[in-house]
Amino acid sequence: MMIMPYYLIIKTKHMAQQTAVEWLIMQLPVKIRVELYEQNIHEQAKQMEKEQIIEAYKYGNQSDVYYKPEQYYNETFSNNK
């Protein structure tokens, strides 16, 4: 049996800013979260969303040279590195 990370079971108030995928996962019943975890679907969805956020930042914030897109994502969604 696989051990499921606590963040898929317990809702906490002290998490970094959540992505839409993470929020949606936390709204699901625990039984469904376990199934998503066991099939690695949640990680696939989070990776796809990460790529979309990075691409959107890259094309939507071209005037900001302070952050690289990957750096922006990691600093904004620090639990998602």
PDB file of N, CA and C in Angstrom:
ATOM      1  N   MET A   1       0.841  -1.190   0.000  1.00  0.00           N
ATOM      2  CA  MET A   1       0.000   0.000   0.000  1.00  0.00           C
ATOM      3  C   MET A   1       0.881   1.248   0.000  1.00  0.00           C
ATOM      4  N   MET A   2       0.534   2.211  -0.822  1.00  0.00           N
ATOM      5  CA  MET A   2       1.291   3.458  -0.910  1.00  0.00           C
ATOM      6  C   MET A   2       0.923   4.368   0.256  1.00  0.00           C
ATOM      7  N   ILE A   3       1.886   5.138   0.716  1.00  0.00           N
ATOM      8  CA  ILE A   3       1.629   6.125   1.764  1.00  0.00           C
ATOM      9  C   ILE A   3       1.296   7.444   1.090  1.00  0.00           C
ATOM     10  N   MET A   4       0.155   7.979   1.438  1.00  0.00           N
ATOM     11  CA  MET A   4      -0.322   9.207   0.826  1.00  0.00           C
ATOM     12  C   MET A   4       0.211  10.416   1.582  1.00  0.00           C
ATOM     13  N   PRO A   5       0.722  11.442   0.876  1.00  0.00           N
ATOM     14  CA  PRO A   5       1.207  12.648   1.559  1.00  0.00           C
ATOM     15  C   PRO A   5       0.098  13.305   2.376  1.00  0.00           C
ATOM     16  N   TYR A   6       0.472  13.863   3.508  1.00  0.00           N
ATOM     17  CA  TYR A   6      -0.510  14.470   4.404  1.00  0.00           C
ATOM     18  C   TYR A   6      -1.299  15.581   3.743  1.00  0.00           C
ATOM     19  N   TYR A   7      -0.678  16.317   2.793  1.00  0.00           N
ATOM     20  CA  TYR A   7      -1.380  17.448   2.199  1.00  0.00           C
ATOM     21  C   TYR A   7      -2.539  17.005   1.314  1.00  0.00           C
ATOM     22  N   LEU A   8      -2.596  15.729   0.954  1.00  0.00           N
ATOM     23  CA  LEU A   8      -3.741  15.239   0.204  1.00  0.00           C
ATOM     24  C   LEU A   8      -4.864  14.791   1.121  1.00  0.00           C
ATOM     25  N   ILE A   9      -4.589  14.662   2.402  1.00  0.00           N
ATOM     26  CA  ILE A   9      -5.583  14.205   3.362  1.00  0.00           C
ATOM     27  C   ILE A   9      -6.112  15.369   4.199  1.00  0.00           C
ATOM     28  N   ILE A  10      -5.207  16.204   4.699  1.00  0.00           N
ATOM     29  CA  ILE A  10      -5.554  17.246   5.655  1.00  0.00           C
ATOM     30  C   ILE A  10      -5.565  18.611   4.972  1.00  0.00           C
ATOM     31  N   LYS A  11      -6.595  19.377   5.230  1.00  0.00           N
ATOM     32  CA  LYS A  11      -6.650  20.751   4.751  1.00  0.00           C
ATOM     33  C   LYS A  11      -5.976  21.634   5.804  1.00  0.00           C
ATOM     34  N   THR A  12      -5.018  22.446   5.385  1.00  0.00           N
ATOM     35  CA  THR A  12      -4.345  23.327   6.330  1.00  0.00           C
ATOM     36  C   THR A  12      -4.510  24.779   5.892  1.00  0.00           C
ATOM     37  N   LYS A  13      -4.414  25.666   6.857  1.00  0.00           N
ATOM     38  CA  LYS A  13      -4.519  27.089   6.572  1.00  0.00           C
ATOM     39  C   LYS A  13      -3.155  27.703   6.285  1.00  0.00           C
ATOM     40  N   HIS A  14      -2.073  26.986   6.575  1.00  0.00           N
ATOM     41  CA  HIS A  14      -0.740  27.555   6.484  1.00  0.00           C
ATOM     42  C   HIS A  14       0.017  27.087   5.248  1.00  0.00           C
ATOM     43  N   MET A  15      -0.687  26.829   4.181  1.00  0.00           N
ATOM     44  CA  MET A  15      -0.040  26.414   2.946  1.00  0.00           C
ATOM     45  C   MET A  15       0.307  27.640   2.120  1.00  0.00           C
ATOM     46  N   ALA A  16       1.269  27.500   1.207  1.00  0.00           N
ATOM     47  CA  ALA A  16       1.571  28.582   0.276  1.00  0.00           C
ATOM     48  C   ALA A  16       0.360  28.765  -0.633  1.00  0.00           C
ATOM     49  N   GLN A  17       0.401  29.784  -1.451  1.00  0.00           N
ATOM     50  CA  GLN A  17      -0.713  30.030  -2.361  1.00  0.00           C
ATOM     51  C   GLN A  17      -0.988  28.757  -3.166  1.00  0.00           C
ATOM     52  N   GLN A  18      -2.231  28.353  -3.220  1.00  0.00           N
ATOM     53  CA  GLN A  18      -2.595  27.134  -3.921  1.00  0.00           C
ATOM     54  C   GLN A  18      -2.899  27.405  -5.386  1.00  0.00           C
ATOM     55  N   THR A  19      -2.578  26.434  -6.218  1.00  0.00           N
ATOM     56  CA  THR A  19      -3.007  26.501  -7.607  1.00  0.00           C
ATOM     57  C   THR A  19      -4.443  26.007  -7.678  1.00  0.00           C
ATOM     58  N   ALA A  20      -5.069  26.188  -8.824  1.00  0.00           N
ATOM     59  CA  ALA A  20      -6.452  25.728  -9.002  1.00  0.00           C
ATOM     60  C   ALA A  20      -6.545  24.206  -8.887  1.00  0.00           C
ATOM     61  N   VAL A  21      -5.555  23.497  -9.405  1.00  0.00           N
ATOM     62  CA  VAL A  21      -5.558  22.033  -9.315  1.00  0.00           C
ATOM     63  C   VAL A  21      -5.471  21.589  -7.863  1.00  0.00           C
ATOM     64  N   GLU A  22      -4.587  22.201  -7.088  1.00  0.00           N
ATOM     65  CA  GLU A  22      -4.467  21.835  -5.673  1.00  0.00           C
ATOM     66  C   GLU A  22      -5.760  22.129  -4.919  1.00  0.00           C
ATOM     67  N   TRP A  23      -6.368  23.269  -5.211  1.00  0.00           N
ATOM     68  CA  TRP A  23      -7.628  23.613  -4.556  1.00  0.00           C
ATOM     69  C   TRP A  23      -8.690  22.573  -4.886  1.00  0.00           C
ATOM     70  N   LEU A  24      -8.790  22.224  -6.171  1.00  0.00           N
ATOM     71  CA  LEU A  24      -9.785  21.251  -6.587  1.00  0.00           C
ATOM     72  C   LEU A  24      -9.558  19.902  -5.909  1.00  0.00           C
ATOM     73  N   ILE A  25      -8.334  19.456  -5.843  1.00  0.00           N
ATOM     74  CA  ILE A  25      -8.029  18.186  -5.190  1.00  0.00           C
ATOM     75  C   ILE A  25      -8.475  18.205  -3.733  1.00  0.00           C
ATOM     76  N   MET A  26      -8.262  19.328  -3.058  1.00  0.00           N
ATOM     77  CA  MET A  26      -8.628  19.418  -1.645  1.00  0.00           C
ATOM     78  C   MET A  26     -10.142  19.431  -1.438  1.00  0.00           C
ATOM     79  N   GLN A  27     -10.909  19.738  -2.476  1.00  0.00           N
ATOM     80  CA  GLN A  27     -12.365  19.744  -2.363  1.00  0.00           C
ATOM     81  C   GLN A  27     -12.958  18.343  -2.525  1.00  0.00           C
ATOM     82  N   LEU A  28     -12.172  17.425  -3.040  1.00  0.00           N
ATOM     83  CA  LEU A  28     -12.648  16.061  -3.290  1.00  0.00           C
ATOM     84  C   LEU A  28     -12.666  15.242  -2.006  1.00  0.00           C
ATOM     85  N   PRO A  29     -13.548  14.265  -1.939  1.00  0.00           N
ATOM     86  CA  PRO A  29     -13.539  13.362  -0.783  1.00  0.00           C
ATOM     87  C   PRO A  29     -12.203  12.611  -0.698  1.00  0.00           C
ATOM     88  N   VAL A  30     -11.800  12.258   0.508  1.00  0.00           N
ATOM     89  CA  VAL A  30     -10.509  11.602   0.731  1.00  0.00           C
ATOM     90  C   VAL A  30     -10.371  10.340  -0.124  1.00  0.00           C
ATOM     91  N   LYS A  31     -11.427   9.582  -0.247  1.00  0.00           N
ATOM     92  CA  LYS A  31     -11.367   8.337  -1.033  1.00  0.00           C
ATOM     93  C   LYS A  31     -10.928   8.616  -2.472  1.00  0.00           C
ATOM     94  N   ILE A  32     -11.458   9.668  -3.062  1.00  0.00           N
ATOM     95  CA  ILE A  32     -11.098  10.022  -4.436  1.00  0.00           C
ATOM     96  C   ILE A  32      -9.670  10.536  -4.490  1.00  0.00           C
ATOM     97  N   ARG A  33      -9.268  11.338  -3.483  1.00  0.00           N
ATOM     98  CA  ARG A  33      -7.881  11.824  -3.439  1.00  0.00           C
ATOM     99  C   ARG A  33      -6.905  10.663  -3.381  1.00  0.00           C
ATOM    100  N   VAL A  34      -7.228   9.638  -2.616  1.00  0.00           N
ATOM    101  CA  VAL A  34      -6.361   8.459  -2.518  1.00  0.00           C
ATOM    102  C   VAL A  34      -6.236   7.803  -3.888  1.00  0.00           C
ATOM    103  N   GLU A  35      -7.351   7.663  -4.586  1.00  0.00           N
ATOM    104  CA  GLU A  35      -7.312   7.047  -5.916  1.00  0.00           C
ATOM    105  C   GLU A  35      -6.473   7.877  -6.886  1.00  0.00           C
ATOM    106  N   LEU A  36      -6.621   9.192  -6.842  1.00  0.00           N
ATOM    107  CA  LEU A  36      -5.815  10.058  -7.711  1.00  0.00           C
ATOM    108  C   LEU A  36      -4.337   9.916  -7.395  1.00  0.00           C
ATOM    109  N   TYR A  37      -4.014   9.849  -6.120  1.00  0.00           N
ATOM    110  CA  TYR A  37      -2.623   9.707  -5.704  1.00  0.00           C
ATOM    111  C   TYR A  37      -2.055   8.369  -6.165  1.00  0.00           C
ATOM    112  N   GLU A  38      -2.802   7.309  -5.966  1.00  0.00           N
ATOM    113  CA  GLU A  38      -2.323   5.981  -6.328  1.00  0.00           C
ATOM    114  C   GLU A  38      -2.083   5.853  -7.836  1.00  0.00           C
ATOM    115  N   GLN A  39      -2.844   6.574  -8.621  1.00  0.00           N
ATOM    116  CA  GLN A  39      -2.680   6.528 -10.073  1.00  0.00           C
ATOM    117  C   GLN A  39      -1.778   7.653 -10.586  1.00  0.00           C
ATOM    118  N   ASN A  40      -1.233   8.453  -9.691  1.00  0.00           N
ATOM    119  CA  ASN A  40      -0.332   9.558 -10.005  1.00  0.00           C
ATOM    120  C   ASN A  40      -0.997  10.639 -10.871  1.00  0.00           C
ATOM    121  N   ILE A  41      -2.311  10.671 -10.885  1.00  0.00           N
ATOM    122  CA  ILE A  41      -3.037  11.645 -11.702  1.00  0.00           C
ATOM    123  C   ILE A  41      -2.867  13.057 -11.157  1.00  0.00           C
ATOM    124  N   HIS A  42      -2.851  13.198  -9.832  1.00  0.00           N
ATOM    125  CA  HIS A  42      -2.721  14.543  -9.254  1.00  0.00           C
ATOM    126  C   HIS A  42      -1.385  15.173  -9.640  1.00  0.00           C
ATOM    127  N   GLU A  43      -0.312  14.394  -9.678  1.00  0.00           N
ATOM    128  CA  GLU A  43       1.000  14.938 -10.051  1.00  0.00           C
ATOM    129  C   GLU A  43       1.029  15.331 -11.526  1.00  0.00           C
ATOM    130  N   GLN A  44       0.393  14.554 -12.365  1.00  0.00           N
ATOM    131  CA  GLN A  44       0.328  14.884 -13.791  1.00  0.00           C
ATOM    132  C   GLN A  44      -0.430  16.194 -13.989  1.00  0.00           C
ATOM    133  N   ALA A  45      -1.544  16.345 -13.276  1.00  0.00           N
ATOM    134  CA  ALA A  45      -2.342  17.569 -13.392  1.00  0.00           C
ATOM    135  C   ALA A  45      -1.570  18.771 -12.866  1.00  0.00           C
ATOM    136  N   LYS A  46      -0.871  18.602 -11.739  1.00  0.00           N
ATOM    137  CA  LYS A  46      -0.087  19.705 -11.182  1.00  0.00           C
ATOM    138  C   LYS A  46       1.048  20.106 -12.122  1.00  0.00           C
ATOM    139  N   GLN A  47       1.698  19.136 -12.759  1.00  0.00           N
ATOM    140  CA  GLN A  47       2.781  19.442 -13.693  1.00  0.00           C
ATOM    141  C   GLN A  47       2.255  20.183 -14.916  1.00  0.00           C
ATOM    142  N   MET A  48       1.116  19.752 -15.425  1.00  0.00           N
ATOM    143  CA  MET A  48       0.512  20.441 -16.570  1.00  0.00           C
ATOM    144  C   MET A  48       0.157  21.877 -16.203  1.00  0.00           C
ATOM    145  N   GLU A  49      -0.413  22.064 -15.023  1.00  0.00           N
ATOM    146  CA  GLU A  49      -0.784  23.406 -14.594  1.00  0.00           C
ATOM    147  C   GLU A  49       0.455  24.271 -14.391  1.00  0.00           C
ATOM    148  N   LYS A  50       1.510  23.700 -13.827  1.00  0.00           N
ATOM    149  CA  LYS A  50       2.762  24.438 -13.631  1.00  0.00           C
ATOM    150  C   LYS A  50       3.285  24.946 -14.969  1.00  0.00           C
ATOM    151  N   GLU A  51       3.303  24.090 -15.968  1.00  0.00           N
ATOM    152  CA  GLU A  51       3.775  24.493 -17.294  1.00  0.00           C
ATOM    153  C   GLU A  51       2.915  25.605 -17.873  1.00  0.00           C
ATOM    154  N   GLN A  52       1.595  25.533 -17.665  1.00  0.00           N
ATOM    155  CA  GLN A  52       0.697  26.567 -18.164  1.00  0.00           C
ATOM    156  C   GLN A  52       0.934  27.900 -17.459  1.00  0.00           C
ATOM    157  N   ILE A  53       1.144  27.853 -16.138  1.00  0.00           N
ATOM    158  CA  ILE A  53       1.395  29.081 -15.386  1.00  0.00           C
ATOM    159  C   ILE A  53       2.705  29.720 -15.831  1.00  0.00           C
ATOM    160  N   ILE A  54       3.728  28.915 -16.021  1.00  0.00           N
ATOM    161  CA  ILE A  54       5.031  29.434 -16.455  1.00  0.00           C
ATOM    162  C   ILE A  54       4.919  30.058 -17.842  1.00  0.00           C
ATOM    163  N   GLU A  55       4.234  29.382 -18.752  1.00  0.00           N
ATOM    164  CA  GLU A  55       4.049  29.929 -20.106  1.00  0.00           C
ATOM    165  C   GLU A  55       3.256  31.228 -20.071  1.00  0.00           C
ATOM    166  N   ALA A  56       2.200  31.275 -19.279  1.00  0.00           N
ATOM    167  CA  ALA A  56       1.385  32.494 -19.178  1.00  0.00           C
ATOM    168  C   ALA A  56       2.213  33.644 -18.611  1.00  0.00           C
ATOM    169  N   TYR A  57       3.036  33.362 -17.610  1.00  0.00           N
ATOM    170  CA  TYR A  57       3.887  34.395 -17.027  1.00  0.00           C
ATOM    171  C   TYR A  57       4.894  34.880 -18.062  1.00  0.00           C
ATOM    172  N   LYS A  58       5.455  33.935 -18.803  1.00  0.00           N
ATOM    173  CA  LYS A  58       6.472  34.266 -19.800  1.00  0.00           C
ATOM    174  C   LYS A  58       5.927  35.233 -20.844  1.00  0.00           C
ATOM    175  N   TYR A  59       4.709  34.983 -21.301  1.00  0.00           N
ATOM    176  CA  TYR A  59       4.138  35.816 -22.359  1.00  0.00           C
ATOM    177  C   TYR A  59       3.324  36.990 -21.831  1.00  0.00           C
ATOM    178  N   GLY A  60       2.885  36.930 -20.605  1.00  0.00           N
ATOM    179  CA  GLY A  60       2.059  38.002 -20.067  1.00  0.00           C
ATOM    180  C   GLY A  60       2.808  39.031 -19.261  1.00  0.00           C
ATOM    181  N   ASN A  61       4.056  38.771 -18.954  1.00  0.00           N
ATOM    182  CA  ASN A  61       4.817  39.678 -18.092  1.00  0.00           C
ATOM    183  C   ASN A  61       6.200  39.917 -18.681  1.00  0.00           C
ATOM    184  N   GLN A  62       6.264  40.277 -19.930  1.00  0.00           N
ATOM    185  CA  GLN A  62       7.542  40.442 -20.608  1.00  0.00           C
ATOM    186  C   GLN A  62       8.319  41.665 -20.143  1.00  0.00           C
ATOM    187  N   SER A  63       7.648  42.619 -19.510  1.00  0.00           N
ATOM    188  CA  SER A  63       8.336  43.833 -19.072  1.00  0.00           C
ATOM    189  C   SER A  63       9.092  43.631 -17.762  1.00  0.00           C
ATOM    190  N   ASP A  64       8.795  42.564 -17.031  1.00  0.00           N
ATOM    191  CA  ASP A  64       9.416  42.322 -15.729  1.00  0.00           C
ATOM    192  C   ASP A  64      10.635  41.426 -15.901  1.00  0.00           C
ATOM    193  N   VAL A  65      11.811  42.017 -15.854  1.00  0.00           N
ATOM    194  CA  VAL A  65      13.035  41.225 -16.023  1.00  0.00           C
ATOM    195  C   VAL A  65      13.561  40.721 -14.689  1.00  0.00           C
ATOM    196  N   TYR A  66      12.911  41.081 -13.596  1.00  0.00           N
ATOM    197  CA  TYR A  66      13.364  40.649 -12.267  1.00  0.00           C
ATOM    198  C   TYR A  66      13.197  39.145 -12.081  1.00  0.00           C
ATOM    199  N   TYR A  67      12.088  38.606 -12.505  1.00  0.00           N
ATOM    200  CA  TYR A  67      11.809  37.185 -12.334  1.00  0.00           C
ATOM    201  C   TYR A  67      11.938  36.430 -13.646  1.00  0.00           C
ATOM    202  N   LYS A  68      12.516  35.276 -13.570  1.00  0.00           N
ATOM    203  CA  LYS A  68      12.417  34.324 -14.669  1.00  0.00           C
ATOM    204  C   LYS A  68      11.127  33.555 -14.424  1.00  0.00           C
ATOM    205  N   PRO A  69      10.472  33.049 -15.462  1.00  0.00           N
ATOM    206  CA  PRO A  69       9.178  32.370 -15.267  1.00  0.00           C
ATOM    207  C   PRO A  69       9.223  31.239 -14.237  1.00  0.00           C
ATOM    208  N   GLU A  70      10.235  30.410 -14.270  1.00  0.00           N
ATOM    209  CA  GLU A  70      10.342  29.297 -13.312  1.00  0.00           C
ATOM    210  C   GLU A  70      10.523  29.835 -11.883  1.00  0.00           C
ATOM    211  N   GLN A  71      11.301  30.905 -11.743  1.00  0.00           N
ATOM    212  CA  GLN A  71      11.514  31.516 -10.427  1.00  0.00           C
ATOM    213  C   GLN A  71      10.197  32.088  -9.897  1.00  0.00           C
ATOM    214  N   TYR A  72       9.444  32.760 -10.757  1.00  0.00           N
ATOM    215  CA  TYR A  72       8.142  33.295 -10.355  1.00  0.00           C
ATOM    216  C   TYR A  72       7.246  32.170  -9.826  1.00  0.00           C
ATOM    217  N   TYR A  73       7.171  31.076 -10.578  1.00  0.00           N
ATOM    218  CA  TYR A  73       6.314  29.965 -10.162  1.00  0.00           C
ATOM    219  C   TYR A  73       6.757  29.408  -8.815  1.00  0.00           C
ATOM    220  N   ASN A  74       8.045  29.156  -8.675  1.00  0.00           N
ATOM    221  CA  ASN A  74       8.552  28.563  -7.435  1.00  0.00           C
ATOM    222  C   ASN A  74       8.351  29.469  -6.229  1.00  0.00           C
ATOM    223  N   GLU A  75       8.513  30.775  -6.408  1.00  0.00           N
ATOM    224  CA  GLU A  75       8.329  31.690  -5.285  1.00  0.00           C
ATOM    225  C   GLU A  75       6.850  31.920  -4.960  1.00  0.00           C
ATOM    226  N   THR A  76       5.996  31.837  -5.957  1.00  0.00           N
ATOM    227  CA  THR A  76       4.562  32.040  -5.726  1.00  0.00           C
ATOM    228  C   THR A  76       3.886  30.795  -5.173  1.00  0.00           C
ATOM    229  N   PHE A  77       4.281  29.651  -5.702  1.00  0.00           N
ATOM    230  CA  PHE A  77       3.676  28.369  -5.314  1.00  0.00           C
ATOM    231  C   PHE A  77       4.757  27.469  -4.719  1.00  0.00           C
ATOM    232  N   SER A  78       5.350  27.880  -3.618  1.00  0.00           N
ATOM    233  CA  SER A  78       6.532  27.212  -3.069  1.00  0.00           C
ATOM    234  C   SER A  78       6.325  25.748  -2.707  1.00  0.00           C
ATOM    235  N   ASN A  79       5.092  25.305  -2.467  1.00  0.00           N
ATOM    236  CA  ASN A  79       4.844  23.886  -2.170  1.00  0.00           C
ATOM    237  C   ASN A  79       4.852  23.049  -3.427  1.00  0.00           C
ATOM    238  N   ASN A  80       5.017  23.656  -4.589  1.00  0.00           N
ATOM    239  CA  ASN A  80       4.844  22.949  -5.856  1.00  0.00           C
ATOM    240  C   ASN A  80       6.130  22.785  -6.641  1.00  0.00           C
ATOM    241  N   LYS A  81       7.241  22.941  -6.031  1.00  0.00           N
ATOM    242  CA  LYS A  81       8.517  22.875  -6.750  1.00  0.00           C
ATOM    243  C   LYS A  81       8.733  21.527  -7.377  1.00  0.00           C
TER     244      LYS A  81
END
